[in-house]
Amino acid sequence: MYKLLLSCFVIFISHAVVGQSITGTIYDDKAIVEGVVVKNLSTKMATISTKEGRFEVTASAQDSISFEIFTHEHKLMVLKEGVSYTDIVIELTRKVNELDEVIIKKEVKPVFKKEEFADTFESQLQKHIELYPEQYEFNSNPNNNLNFVNIGKRLWRLIKKEKSKPPPFVPIKLEEYIGLFKEDPVINDRFLIETIKIPFEFKPLFIDFCVSKNVDSELLKEKNKFLLIDEFINLGKEFKEVLETDVND
């Protein structure tokens, strides 16, 4: 019994003698890693890496040291005999976060395009008539005498009518005229005086005259700038005729 206890004591002492302090720093591909659980699986002793990524744990040859953190891949290191493990560098691999790879797309509601629908409907109707002409003839049954050709043509005329419907008429407002003469690089006070030949003191009266003529606001669009200039020239002529008439009267 005494010899058995002595043998166990010798084994314990020898294990303690060969044990060493394992120190080092933990990194990944971007920076140091804090909060890694460094555990000696043989002795069950563990520690956690500091905010500088440093760790220290006691171990002996053949002990297994694990490095675990939920953001990185698990790593296992087995200590070898006769190797110093002081100030070692441990590199961990980041886990791929599947949530980071998800691209959130805004739901785009389909827009009904009448022109595309009309073109598609016309071509499909024509093809269907060519393939199945019998379906587009009058049915001899008096209870079912629908003419699909006429139905298709009527539907097509409705689509064409809707397609060619002009935008609603909205006249240019007083504040729009004032803003136009104030901010537009072409239609401004110089244009009023030199091109239309209207004295500056008559500007408010001329604008009121233009408002009374209910000019279509579509002319305010940039693509209609030349049409708007032409409209102002014609309005200027009418306005001067009105002035001359008032003077003569």
Protein backbone atom coordinates (compact mmCIF):
# COMPACT_ATOMS: atom_id res chain seq x y z
CA MET A 1 0.00 0.00 0.00
CA TYR A 2 2.85 2.35 0.90
CA LYS A 3 4.59 1.63 -2.41
CA LEU A 4 1.39 2.37 -4.34
CA LEU A 5 0.95 5.75 -2.66
CA LEU A 6 4.60 6.56 -3.27
CA SER A 7 4.27 5.73 -6.96
CA CYS A 8 1.21 7.97 -7.34
CA PHE A 9 3.02 10.81 -5.57
CA VAL A 10 6.03 10.46 -7.89
CA ILE A 11 3.78 10.50 -10.97
CA PHE A 12 1.99 13.62 -9.68
CA ILE A 13 5.28 15.40 -8.97
CA SER A 14 6.72 14.50 -12.37
CA HIS A 15 3.59 15.79 -14.12
CA ALA A 16 3.77 19.05 -12.19
CA VAL A 17 7.44 19.46 -13.09
CA VAL A 18 6.94 19.05 -16.83
CA GLY A 19 3.88 21.35 -16.84
CA GLN A 20 4.44 24.80 -18.36
CA SER A 21 2.61 28.08 -18.76
CA ILE A 22 1.21 28.47 -22.28
CA THR A 23 0.95 32.16 -23.24
CA GLY A 24 0.10 33.93 -26.44
CA THR A 25 -2.14 36.26 -28.45
CA ILE A 26 -5.18 35.36 -30.53
CA TYR A 27 -5.89 37.04 -33.88
CA ASP A 28 -8.09 36.58 -36.90
CA ASP A 29 -7.55 38.00 -40.39
CA LYS A 30 -8.63 41.48 -39.26
CA ALA A 31 -7.80 42.10 -35.60
CA ILE A 32 -7.15 40.62 -32.18
CA VAL A 33 -9.93 38.45 -30.76
CA GLU A 34 -11.28 39.03 -27.26
CA GLY A 35 -13.39 36.59 -25.26
CA VAL A 36 -11.99 33.33 -26.65
CA VAL A 37 -12.36 30.40 -24.24
CA VAL A 38 -8.94 28.75 -24.00
CA LYS A 39 -9.35 25.36 -22.34
CA ASN A 40 -6.96 22.56 -21.44
CA LEU A 41 -9.08 19.52 -22.27
CA SER A 42 -6.76 17.27 -20.28
CA THR A 43 -6.97 19.16 -16.97
CA LYS A 44 -10.32 20.91 -17.63
CA MET A 45 -8.71 24.24 -16.69
CA ALA A 46 -9.79 27.21 -18.78
CA THR A 47 -9.28 30.94 -19.23
CA ILE A 48 -10.60 33.71 -21.50
CA SER A 49 -8.55 35.93 -23.80
CA THR A 50 -8.36 39.60 -22.77
CA LYS A 51 -9.29 42.66 -24.85
CA GLU A 52 -5.68 42.60 -26.08
CA GLY A 53 -6.21 39.01 -27.22
CA ARG A 54 -3.79 37.66 -24.58
CA PHE A 55 -4.24 34.35 -22.75
CA GLU A 56 -2.33 32.12 -20.30
CA VAL A 57 -3.06 28.53 -19.35
CA THR A 58 -1.02 25.76 -17.70
CA ALA A 59 -0.46 22.57 -19.70
CA SER A 60 1.96 19.70 -20.29
CA ALA A 61 3.16 17.78 -23.31
CA GLN A 62 0.40 15.82 -25.08
CA ASP A 63 -2.31 18.02 -23.54
CA SER A 64 -5.00 19.27 -25.91
CA ILE A 65 -5.77 23.00 -25.87
CA SER A 66 -9.00 24.21 -27.46
CA PHE A 67 -9.85 27.75 -28.59
CA GLU A 68 -13.57 28.45 -28.86
CA ILE A 69 -15.75 31.50 -29.54
CA PHE A 70 -19.11 31.54 -31.34
CA THR A 71 -17.96 34.04 -33.99
CA HIS A 72 -15.01 31.92 -35.15
CA GLU A 73 -14.23 28.38 -36.14
CA HIS A 74 -13.14 26.07 -33.31
CA LYS A 75 -9.41 25.34 -33.13
CA LEU A 76 -7.58 22.51 -31.31
CA MET A 77 -3.85 22.34 -30.55
CA VAL A 78 -1.95 19.32 -29.12
CA LEU A 79 1.24 20.22 -27.23
CA LYS A 80 4.41 18.47 -28.31
CA GLU A 81 7.28 17.26 -26.14
CA GLY A 82 10.27 19.59 -25.90
CA VAL A 83 8.57 22.59 -27.57
CA SER A 84 8.22 25.97 -25.87
CA TYR A 85 4.78 27.59 -26.05
CA THR A 86 5.59 31.05 -24.75
CA ASP A 87 4.14 34.10 -26.56
CA ILE A 88 2.70 32.00 -29.35
CA VAL A 89 0.30 33.39 -31.96
CA ILE A 90 -3.05 31.69 -32.51
CA GLU A 91 -4.99 32.57 -35.66
CA LEU A 92 -8.72 31.85 -35.80
CA THR A 93 -10.96 31.80 -38.85
CA ARG A 94 -14.12 33.89 -38.86
CA LYS A 95 -17.41 32.10 -39.43
CA VAL A 96 -19.39 33.20 -42.48
CA ASN A 97 -22.52 34.92 -41.26
CA GLU A 98 -25.26 33.85 -43.65
CA LEU A 99 -27.38 36.79 -42.57
CA ASP A 100 -24.72 39.16 -43.93
CA GLU A 101 -25.08 37.62 -47.35
CA VAL A 102 -28.83 38.12 -47.56
CA ILE A 103 -29.72 40.98 -49.89
CA ILE A 104 -32.97 42.63 -48.90
CA LYS A 105 -34.81 43.77 -51.97
CA LYS A 106 -37.62 46.24 -51.89
CA GLU A 107 -40.80 44.76 -53.21
CA VAL A 108 -41.63 46.33 -56.53
CA LYS A 109 -45.28 46.23 -57.41
CA PRO A 110 -45.96 45.50 -61.08
CA VAL A 111 -47.15 48.50 -63.07
CA PHE A 112 -49.83 47.99 -65.66
CA LYS A 113 -48.60 49.47 -68.94
CA LYS A 114 -51.51 50.04 -71.26
CA GLU A 115 -49.41 50.50 -74.39
CA GLU A 116 -47.52 47.23 -73.92
CA PHE A 117 -50.74 45.41 -73.09
CA ALA A 118 -52.46 46.82 -76.17
CA ASP A 119 -49.64 45.77 -78.49
CA THR A 120 -49.46 42.31 -76.94
CA PHE A 121 -53.22 41.85 -77.03
CA GLU A 122 -53.46 42.83 -80.69
CA SER A 123 -50.72 40.43 -81.78
CA GLN A 124 -52.04 37.55 -79.67
CA LEU A 125 -55.59 38.08 -80.90
CA GLN A 126 -54.44 38.05 -84.53
CA LYS A 127 -52.44 34.85 -84.03
CA HIS A 128 -55.35 33.16 -82.29
CA ILE A 129 -57.71 34.09 -85.14
CA GLU A 130 -55.27 32.59 -87.65
CA LEU A 131 -54.89 29.36 -85.66
CA TYR A 132 -58.52 28.88 -84.66
CA PRO A 133 -60.75 30.75 -87.15
CA GLU A 134 -63.73 28.54 -86.33
CA GLN A 135 -63.87 29.99 -82.82
CA TYR A 136 -64.38 33.48 -84.21
CA GLU A 137 -67.40 32.77 -86.41
CA PHE A 138 -71.08 33.10 -85.58
CA ASN A 139 -72.46 30.08 -83.79
CA SER A 140 -75.58 28.65 -85.40
CA ASN A 141 -77.03 28.05 -81.96
CA PRO A 142 -79.37 31.01 -81.31
CA ASN A 143 -78.71 30.70 -77.58
CA ASN A 144 -74.96 31.13 -78.05
CA ASN A 145 -74.39 33.46 -80.99
CA LEU A 146 -71.40 35.41 -79.68
CA ASN A 147 -69.05 36.83 -82.30
CA PHE A 148 -65.59 36.82 -80.77
CA VAL A 149 -64.16 38.86 -83.62
CA ASN A 150 -66.51 41.74 -82.89
CA ILE A 151 -65.86 41.40 -79.17
CA GLY A 152 -62.13 41.51 -79.77
CA LYS A 153 -62.40 44.52 -82.08
CA ARG A 154 -64.55 46.43 -79.62
CA LEU A 155 -62.15 45.69 -76.80
CA TRP A 156 -59.27 46.80 -78.99
CA ARG A 157 -61.04 50.08 -79.86
CA LEU A 158 -61.60 50.75 -76.16
CA ILE A 159 -57.91 50.18 -75.46
CA LYS A 160 -56.89 52.42 -78.37
CA LYS A 161 -59.28 55.12 -77.19
CA GLU A 162 -57.87 54.97 -73.68
CA LYS A 163 -54.34 54.90 -75.06
CA SER A 164 -54.82 58.05 -77.15
CA LYS A 165 -56.67 59.96 -74.45
CA PRO A 166 -54.91 63.32 -73.97
CA PRO A 167 -53.81 64.49 -70.52
CA PRO A 168 -56.31 66.68 -68.63
CA PHE A 169 -56.13 70.38 -69.42
CA VAL A 170 -54.65 72.52 -66.65
CA PRO A 171 -53.99 76.22 -67.36
CA ILE A 172 -50.85 78.01 -66.23
CA LYS A 173 -51.44 79.75 -62.89
CA LEU A 174 -50.48 83.28 -61.87
CA GLU A 175 -47.70 82.15 -59.52
CA GLU A 176 -46.26 79.96 -62.27
CA TYR A 177 -46.02 82.96 -64.62
CA ILE A 178 -44.33 85.03 -61.91
CA GLY A 179 -41.85 82.25 -61.14
CA LEU A 180 -41.17 81.71 -64.84
CA PHE A 181 -40.21 85.35 -65.52
CA LYS A 182 -38.14 85.40 -62.32
CA GLU A 183 -36.13 82.17 -62.71
CA ASP A 184 -36.14 81.09 -66.36
CA PRO A 185 -32.90 81.96 -68.23
CA VAL A 186 -34.77 82.70 -71.49
CA ILE A 187 -38.29 83.83 -70.61
CA ASN A 188 -37.43 86.73 -68.33
CA ASP A 189 -37.71 90.53 -68.14
CA ARG A 190 -35.23 90.98 -70.98
CA PHE A 191 -37.30 88.66 -73.17
CA LEU A 192 -40.40 90.68 -72.24
CA ILE A 193 -38.85 94.03 -73.14
CA GLU A 194 -36.59 93.21 -76.11
CA THR A 195 -38.40 90.31 -77.80
CA ILE A 196 -42.09 90.84 -77.08
CA LYS A 197 -41.59 94.64 -77.01
CA ILE A 198 -43.69 95.23 -73.90
CA PRO A 199 -42.58 98.01 -71.50
CA PHE A 200 -41.52 96.76 -68.08
CA GLU A 201 -44.20 98.81 -66.29
CA PHE A 202 -46.85 96.78 -68.14
CA LYS A 203 -45.43 93.45 -66.93
CA PRO A 204 -48.07 92.80 -64.18
CA LEU A 205 -50.85 93.69 -66.59
CA PHE A 206 -49.41 91.42 -69.28
CA ILE A 207 -49.17 88.50 -66.85
CA ASP A 208 -52.82 89.00 -65.86
CA PHE A 209 -53.67 89.03 -69.57
CA CYS A 210 -51.84 85.70 -70.05
CA VAL A 211 -53.70 84.17 -67.10
CA SER A 212 -57.01 85.16 -68.67
CA LYS A 213 -56.04 83.30 -71.87
CA ASN A 214 -55.84 79.92 -70.06
CA VAL A 215 -52.59 78.74 -71.61
CA ASP A 216 -52.03 74.99 -71.27
CA SER A 217 -49.55 74.16 -68.47
CA GLU A 218 -48.10 71.39 -70.68
CA LEU A 219 -46.12 74.19 -72.35
CA LEU A 220 -44.13 74.63 -69.12
CA LYS A 221 -42.33 71.36 -69.77
CA GLU A 222 -38.78 71.74 -71.03
CA LYS A 223 -39.52 69.84 -74.23
CA ASN A 224 -42.19 72.45 -75.08
CA LYS A 225 -40.01 75.51 -74.40
CA PHE A 226 -40.06 76.73 -78.03
CA LEU A 227 -43.83 76.34 -78.19
CA LEU A 228 -44.13 78.42 -75.01
CA ILE A 229 -41.91 81.15 -76.46
CA ASP A 230 -44.04 81.24 -79.60
CA GLU A 231 -47.18 81.42 -77.43
CA PHE A 232 -45.78 84.41 -75.51
CA ILE A 233 -44.95 86.22 -78.76
CA ASN A 234 -48.52 85.75 -80.00
CA LEU A 235 -49.94 86.83 -76.63
CA GLY A 236 -47.67 89.88 -76.74
CA LYS A 237 -49.12 90.90 -80.10
CA GLU A 238 -52.67 90.52 -78.79
CA PHE A 239 -51.81 92.46 -75.64
CA LYS A 240 -50.34 95.38 -77.60
CA GLU A 241 -53.39 95.48 -79.83
CA VAL A 242 -55.58 95.72 -76.74
CA LEU A 243 -53.41 98.55 -75.40
CA GLU A 244 -53.59 100.45 -78.69
CA THR A 245 -57.37 100.03 -78.78
CA ASP A 246 -57.70 101.40 -75.24
CA VAL A 247 -55.46 104.36 -76.09
CA ASN A 248 -57.45 105.20 -79.24
CA ASP A 249 -60.71 104.97 -77.33
